[in-house]
Every structure is written in structure tokens, then in C-alpha cells.
Amino acid sequence: MESDIEQAALKYHRYPHPGKIEVVPTKPYNTPEDLSLAYSPGVAYPCLKIKDNADKIFDYTNRGNLVAVISNGTAVLGLGNIGAKASKPVMEGKALLFKIFAGLDAFDIEIDENDPQEFIKTVARLAPTFGGINLEDIKAPECFEIERELRTKLDIPVMHDDQHGTAIISSAALLNALKIQNKDITNIRVVVNGAGAAAIACTKLFCELGVRHKNIIMCDSKGVIRKDRDNLNSTKAEFATDKDIHTLADAMKGADVFLGLSVADVVTADMVKSMAERPIVFALANPSPEIAYDLAISTRPDMVFATGRSDYPNQINNVLGFPYIFRGALDCGATEINELMKVAAAQAVAELAQEPVPESIKNAYGAENLTFGRDYILPKPFDRRLLMVVAPAVIKAAEESGVARRKIDDMDTYRNQLEEIICTNDALISYLIKTQTTCRIK
């Protein structure tokens, strides 16, 4: 089976021509007059406008609809440090997702540089090209430094999706799981296994939503992160505890929530049995979760369980967030993606899952009983309503927090524009599906 998948994936990426994205013109180019406007002499006039007023770049170029997907390949998917060149298929894939889900153009940029400061300098020099920067697959702890400094240096949205995309969708899942389990976020005890970029970001956003810092136990490969441990970096030290808890098994006793961003099979049935009533378990290690789905559900039928996999209920998938977050951030000219915008995105995703599911989505996923509950706490990736709810929520939060440079005065008109993007993207997806099924691979 793995061989079949491998061969299908290799053919998919190689034919009918290599890669997953291309550049296409958006203006007429069929006559000499068209070319004189596109290049010389016509191109001089927008150049001069931008020279006099830098913000005009958003009027006369595609900067306001263009995202950079940037990596150095040091922490790719489940593959680890495979290098900049080997990361390119993943970055191309991310660019494709930006396009088909939110109508955003994206260039993938693979930078062969492991030194954080040199990487930062390179990205900062490229920034005038883009309206936003999506950092991807950069290992911890360097990713924290890189994102932090780029956010300080640049006046466009910068987000490391491995951190914050996972945090936003996990937070949406948490809000709905708590609703189903009838638990108060301010009182729950949370165990986090893993202390990498995603785990830290998830934990911080959980706190923004109301989880109390004192009720969090974080573990890494050495056990519970305690204040008496030597050589803790500043990120881990923020979540160190002085409680008399030393192992993951100890931490799980009486816990309401388990968040795993670590390795397969580190959680046992006994650990799950020891959790509080109506527990919540997000086992997000890929491809194999911290505890197998069947084992977890059979052990605790009162559980809400989520993974990062598409073949189980409740997949926590970043594609539910990042396209729409950047869509909203770019459309209002946000100078950053801040905590209020992340919370707004998480709440919008969570609220959408509570709405009745359209028949078209049920049919697409072959699920007649797709309703809010234990096995449906998040919308499905192809739910087109995500664009309509997340982007406006992000814009509202950007405006309220003072980081939006452009105010969207008529939200109804804006939503109509989003509907046009959805229609265009649906046509694009249909074309891609048709092309893939009709092309002859030689």
C-alpha cells in the first residue's frame, strides 16, 4: 500500500509538468498596446506613483494579495531536517492551499540558511515583495527568535504556521470540546506532552482563552518540566512547575485535557483511565498519535478525541485557519497577526462547527450524520463557509486592536467579494480535478 501511495504521489508531482503551482498573467497581453502598458513605457507611471507614496504599491501591484511561504527545511512535516531543496514540495503545496482556499497568490521561497540572524536578514530583504509572510517548517527554538524579530522589523503580517496555525485550530477544537463535555475553561487541568514550537504556541493561546497558567503541566522527553530542572531555556521555563509531579503518568491523573504534540504511543490506556470524567484528548503526533484512536475510545467512551489525521473524526488541520487568517489580514492591511486576531479566528472556526452542515459538505465526505457533537467539533477543510466567517472575524479584531491600515466600511460588499473568490476557487478545483483525471501519464 505504501508503495502504491508513493508511486501515485511521485506521478502527481511530476506530471503533466513538474511541481504544483505556476504564474499566470492577470492582464491582457495580446497586442503591442497591451505590452506597452505592461512594460515599457507604461510601467513607469505606477513606479512613479509608488515612489511618491509607498502605500500605492497595494493599488498598482499584487503585493496586497501575495504571501511568501518561506522555509529553510529544518523541521519538515514528519521528515525532520531535510534541507531547503527537499522542503520545496511542501512549500509549493502550502502555496496551492493559499490559492484554492482563499484566492491568495503565494510564492514558495526556500532559503539555504540555518543561522537565525542570517535567515532573518534574508527574509527582511525580500519583504517588500509581499503582503504577508508565512514561515514554515523551521525548527525550534530558532523559529521563536526568527518570528519574533521579523514581526518587530516588518510592517506586514508574519506568522509561523507550525506554531500559530496549530494553536488556533486546537483552540477552536478545545472550545467546542469543552462545550460538549460541559466544562469551564477556567477550571480545567491541562497536560501538554511536547515542548516544541507548536506545543508552546498552543499552550499560550489556551491561556489567552482562559486556561489558568497554574493548571498546566508541560512535559518533554525528559518528563515533567519542573522549576528545579537544569538548563531550561526561557520558553520551557515559562511553563515549569514546582508541583510534586515528575512523569507523564503522574500528570495525567485527574487531568481534564491532554494535548499531545510529541511522538507515537506514549500515552497508555491506564493513563487515559486516570483522567477526570468526560476527558478531552488531542493526540496530534503524526502519522501515529500518542494513543491509538480505537484504544482511546474503547478505554474512555466519554472522551472527546482528536488527532491530526484525516481518517479519524476531529482532524485538527491548519488549513482550517491560515488561508482565511491571511486573507483577512491582507485585506485590511494589517501590520501584524496579533493575539486578538488569533483568538477571533479560533472562535469563528469553533462557532461554524456548531452550525448545521450543508448537504454538499455531507455528500463530499460521505457522512449523513455530520452534526455538532463528539465526532464533529471542527468544520471540514472543504467547508467554503470558513472563508466567509474567519476572514471578517480577523478583520474586526485587527481593527479593534489598531493594526488595520485599511478599514472595511461595507462588510456586506466585502462578503460578496469573498463569495466571488469561493466561486472562482470552486471552478479552479473542478478544473484541477478534471485535468488530473483526464491527462494521460506517459
Protein backbone atom coordinates (compact mmCIF):
# COMPACT_ATOMS: atom_id res chain seq x y z
CA MET A 1 0.00 0.00 0.00
CA GLU A 2 2.79 2.42 0.89
CA SER A 3 4.38 1.66 -2.47
CA ASP A 4 1.11 2.49 -4.25
CA ILE A 5 0.81 5.80 -2.39
CA GLU A 6 4.45 6.63 -3.09
CA GLN A 7 4.07 5.99 -6.81
CA ALA A 8 0.83 7.97 -7.01
CA ALA A 9 2.42 10.91 -5.16
CA LEU A 10 5.50 10.91 -7.37
CA LYS A 11 3.38 10.86 -10.53
CA TYR A 12 1.15 13.61 -9.14
CA HIS A 13 4.14 15.87 -8.57
CA ARG A 14 5.87 15.10 -11.87
CA TYR A 15 3.08 15.11 -14.47
CA PRO A 16 1.78 16.72 -16.63
CA HIS A 17 4.60 19.09 -15.67
CA PRO A 18 6.75 19.19 -12.51
CA GLY A 19 5.51 20.97 -9.41
CA LYS A 20 2.13 22.18 -8.18
CA ILE A 21 1.99 25.91 -8.98
CA GLU A 22 2.64 28.28 -11.87
CA VAL A 23 2.48 32.00 -12.62
CA VAL A 24 -0.23 33.26 -14.96
CA PRO A 25 -0.80 36.82 -16.22
CA THR A 26 -3.79 38.80 -14.95
CA LYS A 27 -3.81 41.50 -17.63
CA PRO A 28 -4.27 41.43 -21.43
CA TYR A 29 -1.06 40.78 -23.36
CA ASN A 30 -2.19 40.04 -26.92
CA THR A 31 -1.39 43.34 -28.65
CA PRO A 32 1.56 45.74 -28.88
CA GLU A 33 -0.55 48.24 -26.92
CA ASP A 34 -1.03 45.74 -24.12
CA LEU A 35 2.70 45.13 -23.89
CA SER A 36 3.45 48.86 -23.89
CA LEU A 37 1.19 49.21 -20.83
CA ALA A 38 2.51 46.10 -19.10
CA TYR A 39 6.15 47.05 -19.53
CA SER A 40 7.86 49.96 -21.26
CA PRO A 41 6.84 52.76 -21.37
CA GLY A 42 3.60 52.31 -19.41
CA VAL A 43 5.11 50.65 -16.37
CA ALA A 44 6.94 53.86 -15.47
CA TYR A 45 3.76 55.60 -14.33
CA PRO A 46 2.82 53.24 -11.45
CA CYS A 47 6.51 53.16 -10.48
CA LEU A 48 6.47 56.93 -10.03
CA LYS A 49 3.23 56.83 -8.08
CA ILE A 50 4.74 54.29 -5.68
CA LYS A 51 7.94 56.35 -5.44
CA ASP A 52 5.88 59.31 -4.21
CA ASN A 53 3.63 57.24 -1.93
CA ALA A 54 4.82 53.79 -0.89
CA ASP A 55 1.30 52.65 0.03
CA LYS A 56 0.33 52.92 -3.65
CA ILE A 57 2.16 49.62 -4.12
CA PHE A 58 -1.08 47.99 -2.98
CA ASP A 59 -3.02 49.79 -5.73
CA TYR A 60 -0.75 49.08 -8.66
CA THR A 61 0.85 45.69 -7.88
CA ASN A 62 -0.20 42.32 -6.48
CA ARG A 63 1.54 42.87 -3.14
CA GLY A 64 -1.76 43.00 -1.25
CA ASN A 65 -2.70 39.54 -2.48
CA LEU A 66 0.71 37.89 -2.29
CA VAL A 67 2.05 35.70 0.51
CA ALA A 68 5.57 34.30 0.84
CA VAL A 69 5.79 30.72 2.08
CA ILE A 70 9.33 30.62 3.49
CA SER A 71 11.35 27.77 5.00
CA ASN A 72 14.89 26.57 5.50
CA GLY A 73 13.78 22.94 5.66
CA THR A 74 14.99 22.29 9.21
CA ALA A 75 11.74 20.76 10.54
CA VAL A 76 9.67 19.46 7.62
CA LEU A 77 6.45 17.60 8.38
CA GLY A 78 7.49 14.30 9.97
CA LEU A 79 10.72 14.29 7.99
CA GLY A 80 12.91 16.49 10.17
CA ASN A 81 15.88 18.49 8.92
CA ILE A 82 15.89 17.55 5.24
CA GLY A 83 17.22 20.87 3.94
CA ALA A 84 15.91 23.74 1.86
CA LYS A 85 15.75 21.97 -1.52
CA ALA A 86 13.95 18.89 -0.20
CA SER A 87 11.37 21.12 1.52
CA LYS A 88 10.21 22.69 -1.75
CA PRO A 89 7.37 20.21 -2.47
CA VAL A 90 5.85 21.06 0.91
CA MET A 91 6.15 24.81 0.36
CA GLU A 92 4.62 24.50 -3.11
CA GLY A 93 1.77 22.58 -1.52
CA LYS A 94 1.21 25.35 1.00
CA ALA A 95 1.14 27.89 -1.83
CA LEU A 96 -1.50 25.79 -3.59
CA LEU A 97 -3.65 25.75 -0.44
CA PHE A 98 -3.48 29.54 -0.13
CA LYS A 99 -4.79 29.80 -3.68
CA ILE A 100 -7.59 27.25 -3.69
CA PHE A 101 -8.98 28.07 -0.24
CA ALA A 102 -8.59 31.85 -0.04
CA GLY A 103 -7.72 33.14 -3.52
CA LEU A 104 -4.32 34.33 -2.32
CA ASP A 105 -1.28 34.12 -4.56
CA ALA A 106 1.78 32.66 -2.91
CA PHE A 107 5.43 32.16 -3.82
CA ASP A 108 7.39 29.42 -2.11
CA ILE A 109 10.88 30.51 -1.08
CA GLU A 110 13.40 28.02 0.24
CA ILE A 111 16.36 29.68 1.94
CA ASP A 112 19.51 27.62 2.43
CA GLU A 113 20.48 29.19 5.75
CA ASN A 114 20.41 27.70 9.26
CA ASP A 115 21.79 30.68 11.14
CA PRO A 116 18.75 32.53 12.55
CA GLN A 117 20.17 36.03 12.17
CA GLU A 118 21.24 35.47 8.57
CA PHE A 119 17.85 33.94 7.82
CA ILE A 120 16.12 36.97 9.35
CA LYS A 121 18.21 39.35 7.25
CA THR A 122 17.37 37.46 4.07
CA VAL A 123 13.63 37.42 4.73
CA ALA A 124 13.61 41.10 5.71
CA ARG A 125 15.29 42.00 2.42
CA LEU A 126 12.63 40.06 0.49
CA ALA A 127 9.71 41.55 2.41
CA PRO A 128 8.90 44.49 0.05
CA THR A 129 7.64 41.94 -2.48
CA PHE A 130 4.94 40.50 -0.22
CA GLY A 131 1.82 41.45 1.68
CA GLY A 132 2.38 38.73 4.26
CA ILE A 133 4.93 36.08 5.25
CA ASN A 134 4.06 32.53 6.24
CA LEU A 135 7.05 30.90 7.94
CA GLU A 136 7.01 27.14 7.65
CA ASP A 137 8.88 24.08 8.90
CA ILE A 138 11.63 25.87 10.85
CA LYS A 139 12.92 24.02 13.90
CA ALA A 140 12.64 25.16 17.49
CA PRO A 141 13.97 27.09 19.28
CA GLU A 142 15.28 29.10 16.29
CA CYS A 143 11.74 29.57 14.98
CA PHE A 144 10.81 31.64 18.05
CA GLU A 145 13.69 34.06 17.50
CA ILE A 146 13.06 34.28 13.76
CA GLU A 147 9.37 35.04 14.04
CA ARG A 148 9.80 37.45 16.95
CA GLU A 149 12.44 39.57 15.21
CA LEU A 150 10.69 39.58 11.83
CA ARG A 151 7.47 40.75 13.47
CA THR A 152 9.44 43.59 15.04
CA LYS A 153 11.27 44.56 11.85
CA LEU A 154 8.43 44.32 9.33
CA ASP A 155 5.11 46.12 8.93
CA ILE A 156 3.28 43.19 7.31
CA PRO A 157 1.75 40.06 8.85
CA VAL A 158 4.33 37.40 9.77
CA MET A 159 3.15 34.07 11.13
CA HIS A 160 4.94 30.79 11.75
CA ASP A 161 2.06 28.48 10.89
CA ASP A 162 3.52 25.42 12.60
CA GLN A 163 3.14 27.35 15.83
CA HIS A 164 0.08 29.51 15.46
CA GLY A 165 -1.96 27.65 12.85
CA THR A 166 -1.90 24.58 15.06
CA ALA A 167 -2.64 26.72 18.11
CA ILE A 168 -5.64 28.41 16.51
CA ILE A 169 -7.30 25.22 15.30
CA SER A 170 -6.50 23.36 18.53
CA SER A 171 -8.07 26.25 20.43
CA ALA A 172 -11.21 26.09 18.30
CA ALA A 173 -11.38 22.35 18.98
CA LEU A 174 -10.86 22.94 22.71
CA LEU A 175 -13.69 25.48 22.90
CA ASN A 176 -16.12 23.07 21.29
CA ALA A 177 -14.90 20.02 23.21
CA LEU A 178 -15.42 21.92 26.47
CA LYS A 179 -18.93 22.84 25.36
CA ILE A 180 -19.73 19.20 24.62
CA GLN A 181 -18.15 17.99 27.86
CA ASN A 182 -19.77 20.78 29.88
CA LYS A 183 -16.54 22.04 31.40
CA ASP A 184 -15.41 25.54 32.40
CA ILE A 185 -12.16 26.59 30.72
CA THR A 186 -11.04 28.48 33.81
CA ASN A 187 -11.16 25.35 35.95
CA ILE A 188 -9.74 22.64 33.70
CA ARG A 189 -6.41 20.92 34.28
CA VAL A 190 -4.33 20.59 31.11
CA VAL A 191 -1.41 18.28 30.36
CA VAL A 192 0.78 19.13 27.37
CA ASN A 193 3.20 16.50 26.10
CA GLY A 194 5.82 18.06 23.87
CA ALA A 195 7.54 21.39 24.25
CA GLY A 196 8.32 22.34 20.67
CA ALA A 197 7.07 25.29 18.66
CA ALA A 198 3.50 24.06 18.21
CA ALA A 199 3.09 22.91 21.80
CA ILE A 200 4.29 26.21 23.22
CA ALA A 201 2.04 28.23 20.89
CA CYS A 202 -1.00 26.07 21.67
CA THR A 203 -0.45 26.41 25.39
CA LYS A 204 -0.09 30.18 25.18
CA LEU A 205 -3.28 30.54 23.16
CA PHE A 206 -5.13 28.24 25.55
CA CYS A 207 -4.15 30.72 28.26
CA GLU A 208 -5.46 33.62 26.17
CA LEU A 209 -8.79 31.80 26.02
CA GLY A 210 -8.95 31.40 29.79
CA VAL A 211 -6.93 28.36 30.87
CA ARG A 212 -5.13 29.20 34.10
CA HIS A 213 -1.35 29.02 33.95
CA LYS A 214 -1.23 27.22 37.29
CA ASN A 215 -3.41 24.43 35.90
CA ILE A 216 -0.97 23.46 33.14
CA ILE A 217 1.63 20.70 33.32
CA MET A 218 4.01 20.50 30.36
CA CYS A 219 6.22 17.51 29.64
CA ASP A 220 9.08 16.89 27.25
CA SER A 221 11.20 13.82 26.50
CA LYS A 222 12.78 14.06 29.98
CA GLY A 223 9.48 14.15 31.85
CA VAL A 224 7.64 16.98 33.56
CA ILE A 225 9.20 20.40 33.03
CA ARG A 226 9.93 21.42 36.58
CA LYS A 227 11.47 24.56 38.01
CA ASP A 228 14.26 22.55 39.64
CA ARG A 229 15.49 21.16 36.30
CA ASP A 230 18.82 22.39 34.99
CA ASN A 231 19.40 24.16 31.68
CA LEU A 232 15.81 25.04 30.86
CA ASN A 233 15.57 27.52 28.00
CA SER A 234 13.41 30.59 28.55
CA THR A 235 10.49 29.17 26.58
CA LYS A 236 10.26 25.98 28.64
CA ALA A 237 10.94 27.85 31.87
CA GLU A 238 7.76 29.85 31.32
CA PHE A 239 5.72 26.67 31.86
CA ALA A 240 7.85 24.98 34.52
CA THR A 241 6.01 23.77 37.62
CA ASP A 242 7.01 23.29 41.24
CA LYS A 243 4.30 20.69 41.88
CA ASP A 244 5.40 17.24 43.05
CA ILE A 245 4.74 15.72 39.63
CA HIS A 246 7.57 14.06 37.72
CA THR A 247 6.19 11.81 34.98
CA LEU A 248 3.56 11.96 32.28
CA ALA A 249 1.61 9.23 34.06
CA ASP A 250 1.56 11.34 37.24
CA ALA A 251 0.47 14.42 35.31
CA MET A 252 -2.44 12.60 33.61
CA LYS A 253 -4.12 11.68 36.90
CA GLY A 254 -7.26 13.80 37.21
CA ALA A 255 -6.44 15.88 34.11
CA ASP A 256 -9.33 17.21 32.05
CA VAL A 257 -7.37 17.80 28.84
CA PHE A 258 -4.40 16.13 27.20
CA LEU A 259 -2.66 17.87 24.30
CA GLY A 260 -0.02 15.78 22.57
CA LEU A 261 2.45 17.18 20.08
CA SER A 262 5.16 14.62 20.62
CA VAL A 263 5.61 11.00 19.49
CA ALA A 264 3.51 7.92 18.94
CA ASP A 265 2.20 5.63 21.70
CA VAL A 266 3.48 7.50 24.75
CA VAL A 267 0.00 7.52 26.32
CA THR A 268 -1.31 4.24 27.70
CA ALA A 269 -4.84 3.06 28.38
CA ASP A 270 -4.15 3.31 32.11
CA MET A 271 -3.14 6.94 31.74
CA VAL A 272 -6.40 7.72 29.96
CA LYS A 273 -8.37 5.82 32.60
CA SER A 274 -6.79 8.00 35.28
CA MET A 275 -8.08 11.25 33.72
CA ALA A 276 -11.07 13.17 35.06
CA GLU A 277 -14.64 12.45 33.99
CA ARG A 278 -15.52 13.44 30.40
CA PRO A 279 -11.90 13.92 29.32
CA ILE A 280 -10.60 15.63 26.20
CA VAL A 281 -7.63 14.12 24.36
CA PHE A 282 -5.93 15.78 21.39
CA ALA A 283 -3.29 13.29 20.24
CA LEU A 284 -1.66 15.17 17.38
CA ALA A 285 1.56 13.27 16.70
CA ASN A 286 1.70 12.34 13.01
CA PRO A 287 1.35 9.92 11.38
CA SER A 288 0.73 7.88 14.55
CA PRO A 289 -0.89 9.64 17.53
CA GLU A 290 0.20 9.45 21.15
CA ILE A 291 -2.52 6.85 21.71
CA ALA A 292 -4.32 4.89 19.00
CA TYR A 293 -7.85 6.05 18.22
CA ASP A 294 -9.53 2.67 18.80
CA LEU A 295 -7.72 2.12 22.08
CA ALA A 296 -8.55 5.59 23.37
CA ILE A 297 -12.25 5.42 22.51
CA SER A 298 -12.71 1.89 23.85
CA THR A 299 -10.95 2.87 27.08
CA ARG A 300 -12.97 6.04 27.68
CA PRO A 301 -16.27 6.19 25.76
CA ASP A 302 -16.97 9.53 27.50
CA MET A 303 -13.97 11.10 25.75
CA VAL A 304 -13.76 13.74 23.03
CA PHE A 305 -10.80 12.63 20.90
CA ALA A 306 -8.98 14.44 18.10
CA THR A 307 -5.90 13.71 16.00
CA GLY A 308 -4.01 15.26 13.12
CA ARG A 309 -5.19 12.51 10.75
CA SER A 310 -7.89 12.77 8.12
CA ASP A 311 -9.05 9.16 8.52
CA TYR A 312 -10.36 9.71 12.07
CA PRO A 313 -13.04 12.11 13.34
CA ASN A 314 -12.00 15.57 14.50
CA GLN A 315 -8.89 16.21 12.44
CA ILE A 316 -7.02 19.26 13.72
CA ASN A 317 -5.86 20.65 10.40
CA ASN A 318 -4.14 24.00 9.94
CA VAL A 319 -5.86 24.51 6.59
CA LEU A 320 -8.97 25.45 8.57
CA GLY A 321 -7.16 28.63 9.59
CA PHE A 322 -4.13 30.01 7.80
CA PRO A 323 -5.64 30.77 4.36
CA TYR A 324 -8.50 32.75 5.86
CA ILE A 325 -6.41 34.46 8.54
CA PHE A 326 -4.01 35.80 5.92
CA ARG A 327 -6.96 36.69 3.66
CA GLY A 328 -8.44 38.91 6.34
CA ALA A 329 -5.09 40.31 7.47
CA LEU A 330 -4.08 41.32 3.94
CA ASP A 331 -7.48 42.73 3.02
CA CYS A 332 -7.41 45.19 5.91
CA GLY A 333 -3.71 45.97 5.52
CA ALA A 334 -2.87 44.60 8.97
CA THR A 335 0.65 45.27 10.16
CA GLU A 336 0.71 42.01 12.14
CA ILE A 337 -1.29 38.98 13.20
CA ASN A 338 -1.74 39.52 16.92
CA GLU A 339 -3.27 37.52 19.75
CA LEU A 340 -6.70 39.10 19.40
CA MET A 341 -6.79 38.12 15.73
CA LYS A 342 -5.79 34.54 16.58
CA VAL A 343 -8.48 34.29 19.26
CA ALA A 344 -11.06 35.73 16.87
CA ALA A 345 -10.10 33.16 14.23
CA ALA A 346 -10.35 30.30 16.74
CA GLN A 347 -13.76 31.46 17.94
CA ALA A 348 -15.04 31.84 14.37
CA VAL A 349 -13.92 28.31 13.45
CA ALA A 350 -15.48 26.92 16.63
CA GLU A 351 -18.79 28.68 16.07
CA LEU A 352 -19.03 27.47 12.48
CA ALA A 353 -18.81 23.85 13.62
CA GLN A 354 -21.92 24.43 15.73
CA GLU A 355 -23.95 25.45 12.67
CA PRO A 356 -25.97 22.98 10.56
CA VAL A 357 -23.75 21.35 7.93
CA PRO A 358 -24.77 21.89 4.28
CA GLU A 359 -25.78 18.80 2.33
CA SER A 360 -22.96 19.46 -0.15
CA ILE A 361 -20.38 19.01 2.62
CA LYS A 362 -22.07 15.86 3.92
CA ASN A 363 -22.10 14.42 0.42
CA ALA A 364 -18.47 15.36 -0.22
CA TYR A 365 -17.36 13.49 2.90
CA GLY A 366 -19.90 10.67 2.68
CA ALA A 367 -21.24 11.49 6.13
CA GLU A 368 -25.00 11.76 6.50
CA ASN A 369 -24.95 12.44 10.25
CA LEU A 370 -22.41 15.24 10.31
CA THR A 371 -23.66 17.27 13.25
CA PHE A 372 -22.02 19.06 16.15
CA GLY A 373 -21.00 16.53 18.77
CA ARG A 374 -18.22 14.23 19.94
CA ASP A 375 -17.23 13.22 16.43
CA TYR A 376 -17.64 16.65 14.85
CA ILE A 377 -16.04 19.51 16.76
CA LEU A 378 -14.42 21.24 13.77
CA PRO A 379 -15.58 22.12 10.26
CA LYS A 380 -14.32 20.05 7.36
CA PRO A 381 -11.49 21.52 5.22
CA PHE A 382 -13.70 21.90 2.13
CA ASP A 383 -16.37 23.83 4.02
CA ARG A 384 -16.47 27.03 1.94
CA ARG A 385 -18.14 28.93 4.77
CA LEU A 386 -14.79 29.15 6.55
CA LEU A 387 -13.69 31.99 4.29
CA MET A 388 -16.92 33.86 4.97
CA VAL A 389 -16.62 33.71 8.76
CA VAL A 390 -12.89 33.65 9.58
CA ALA A 391 -11.64 36.48 7.34
CA PRO A 392 -14.25 39.01 8.61
CA ALA A 393 -13.59 37.97 12.23
CA VAL A 394 -9.86 38.55 11.73
CA ILE A 395 -10.53 41.95 10.14
CA LYS A 396 -12.77 43.01 13.02
CA ALA A 397 -10.12 42.02 15.56
CA ALA A 398 -7.42 43.82 13.56
CA GLU A 399 -9.50 46.99 13.51
CA GLU A 400 -10.35 46.78 17.22
CA SER A 401 -6.69 46.21 18.14
CA GLY A 402 -5.49 49.10 15.97
CA VAL A 403 -3.31 47.18 13.49
CA ALA A 404 -5.55 47.55 10.40
CA ARG A 405 -4.35 50.21 7.96
CA ARG A 406 -7.48 49.97 5.81
CA LYS A 407 -10.99 49.94 7.26
CA ILE A 408 -13.59 47.74 5.60
CA ASP A 409 -16.59 50.08 5.77
CA ASP A 410 -19.10 47.87 3.96
CA MET A 411 -18.82 44.34 5.28
CA ASP A 412 -21.74 43.12 3.14
CA THR A 413 -19.89 44.16 -0.01
CA TYR A 414 -16.74 42.54 1.32
CA ARG A 415 -18.58 39.27 1.94
CA ASN A 416 -19.87 39.42 -1.64
CA GLN A 417 -16.25 39.69 -2.77
CA LEU A 418 -15.41 36.63 -0.68
CA GLU A 419 -18.26 34.75 -2.33
CA GLU A 420 -16.74 35.60 -5.71
CA ILE A 421 -13.44 34.12 -4.52
CA ILE A 422 -15.26 30.96 -3.46
CA CYS A 423 -16.94 30.64 -6.86
CA THR A 424 -13.64 31.22 -8.66
CA ASN A 425 -11.84 28.72 -6.47
CA ASP A 426 -14.56 26.09 -6.88
CA ALA A 427 -14.16 26.43 -10.62
CA LEU A 428 -10.38 26.13 -10.24
CA ILE A 429 -10.68 23.00 -8.10
CA SER A 430 -13.11 21.46 -10.58
CA TYR A 431 -10.67 22.23 -13.40
CA LEU A 432 -7.76 20.70 -11.49
CA ILE A 433 -9.76 17.55 -10.73
CA LYS A 434 -10.81 17.27 -14.37
CA THR A 435 -7.25 17.81 -15.55
CA GLN A 436 -5.87 15.17 -13.20
CA THR A 437 -8.44 12.59 -14.27
CA THR A 438 -8.20 13.21 -18.00
CA CYS A 439 -4.46 13.69 -18.50
CA ARG A 440 -2.52 10.67 -19.71
CA ILE A 441 0.63 9.99 -17.76
CA LYS A 442 3.34 8.65 -20.03
